Amino acid sequence: MNLTKRIEINPAILKGKAVIKGTRLSVQYILGLLANGASEEEILDEYTNLRRDDILACLMFASNALDDHFFYPNAQDQA
C-alpha cells in the first residue's frame, strides 16, 4: 500500500493543510508531536482512530515534500 494515499489535501479541511484522511489531524501536527518527543504509542493511545500506518504516512509525506528542495545556509548564519 502506498502510505501517502492515507494523506489528503482538501481546501475544505483545515484550509487545505495536509491531513490524515478521514480526520482533522494535520501532518504538521503529528510531526510536531513526534518532534517534541511523543512516541508512536502515545499518539496512538491519545488518538484511538489512528493507526501506525497513519504516522508512517505523515513521515513519508514530509520526506517526499523535502525530496526536491535544496536548502542553502544563510550567509549571515555563518558569520
Protein backbone atom coordinates (compact mmCIF):
# COMPACT_ATOMS: atom_id res chain seq x y z
CA MET A 1 0.00 0.00 0.00
CA ASN A 2 1.22 3.47 -0.85
CA LEU A 3 1.30 5.19 2.53
CA THR A 4 0.83 8.66 1.06
CA LYS A 5 -2.68 7.64 -0.04
CA ARG A 6 -3.55 7.96 3.66
CA ILE A 7 -2.93 11.73 3.39
CA GLU A 8 -5.32 14.16 1.74
CA ILE A 9 -5.29 17.83 0.86
CA ASN A 10 -8.74 19.36 0.64
CA PRO A 11 -9.36 23.13 0.74
CA ALA A 12 -12.48 22.48 2.83
CA ILE A 13 -10.46 20.77 5.60
CA LEU A 14 -8.07 22.87 7.71
CA LYS A 15 -7.75 25.39 4.89
CA GLY A 16 -6.05 22.86 2.64
CA LYS A 17 -3.38 21.60 5.02
CA ALA A 18 -2.29 18.00 4.51
CA VAL A 19 -4.28 15.83 6.92
CA ILE A 20 -4.64 12.17 7.70
CA LYS A 21 -7.57 11.04 5.56
CA GLY A 22 -10.85 10.94 7.47
CA THR A 23 -9.53 13.16 10.29
CA ARG A 24 -8.79 16.78 11.03
CA LEU A 25 -5.29 15.88 12.24
CA SER A 26 -2.70 17.60 10.11
CA VAL A 27 0.57 16.05 9.06
CA GLN A 28 2.25 19.08 10.62
CA TYR A 29 0.54 18.40 13.96
CA ILE A 30 1.60 14.74 14.05
CA LEU A 31 5.17 15.64 13.06
CA GLY A 32 5.19 18.27 15.80
CA LEU A 33 4.13 15.69 18.37
CA LEU A 34 6.93 13.38 17.26
CA ALA A 35 9.47 16.23 17.20
CA ASN A 36 8.52 17.14 20.76
CA GLY A 37 9.20 13.63 22.00
CA ALA A 38 5.83 11.89 21.78
CA SER A 39 6.18 8.23 20.92
CA GLU A 40 4.08 6.46 18.30
CA GLU A 41 2.47 4.56 21.16
CA GLU A 42 1.50 7.76 22.98
CA ILE A 43 -0.02 9.25 19.84
CA LEU A 44 -1.97 6.07 19.08
CA ASP A 45 -3.22 5.91 22.68
CA GLU A 46 -4.41 9.54 22.51
CA TYR A 47 -5.98 9.27 19.05
CA THR A 48 -7.54 5.83 19.03
CA ASN A 49 -8.84 6.16 15.46
CA LEU A 50 -5.26 6.42 14.12
CA ARG A 51 -3.11 3.51 13.01
CA ARG A 52 0.65 3.17 12.89
CA ASP A 53 0.46 3.46 9.10
CA ASP A 54 -1.07 6.94 9.52
CA ILE A 55 2.00 8.08 11.44
CA LEU A 56 4.30 6.48 8.89
CA ALA A 57 2.31 8.20 6.14
CA CYS A 58 2.98 11.57 7.79
CA LEU A 59 6.70 10.84 7.83
CA MET A 60 6.64 9.68 4.22
CA PHE A 61 4.68 12.77 3.16
CA ALA A 62 7.24 15.05 4.84
CA SER A 63 10.11 13.13 3.29
CA ASN A 64 8.56 13.39 -0.17
CA ALA A 65 7.86 17.10 0.32
CA LEU A 66 11.52 17.75 1.10
CA ASP A 67 12.86 15.46 -1.58
CA ASP A 68 13.00 18.06 -4.35
CA HIS A 69 14.06 21.02 -2.23
CA PHE A 70 17.55 22.31 -1.61
CA PHE A 71 18.47 24.33 1.43
CA TYR A 72 21.38 26.71 1.47
CA PRO A 73 22.83 28.29 4.59
CA ASN A 74 22.17 31.97 5.00
CA ALA A 75 25.45 33.92 4.72
CA GLN A 76 24.52 35.74 7.94
CA ASP A 77 24.29 32.42 9.81
CA GLN A 78 27.94 31.64 9.03
CA ALA A 79 29.34 34.85 10.47
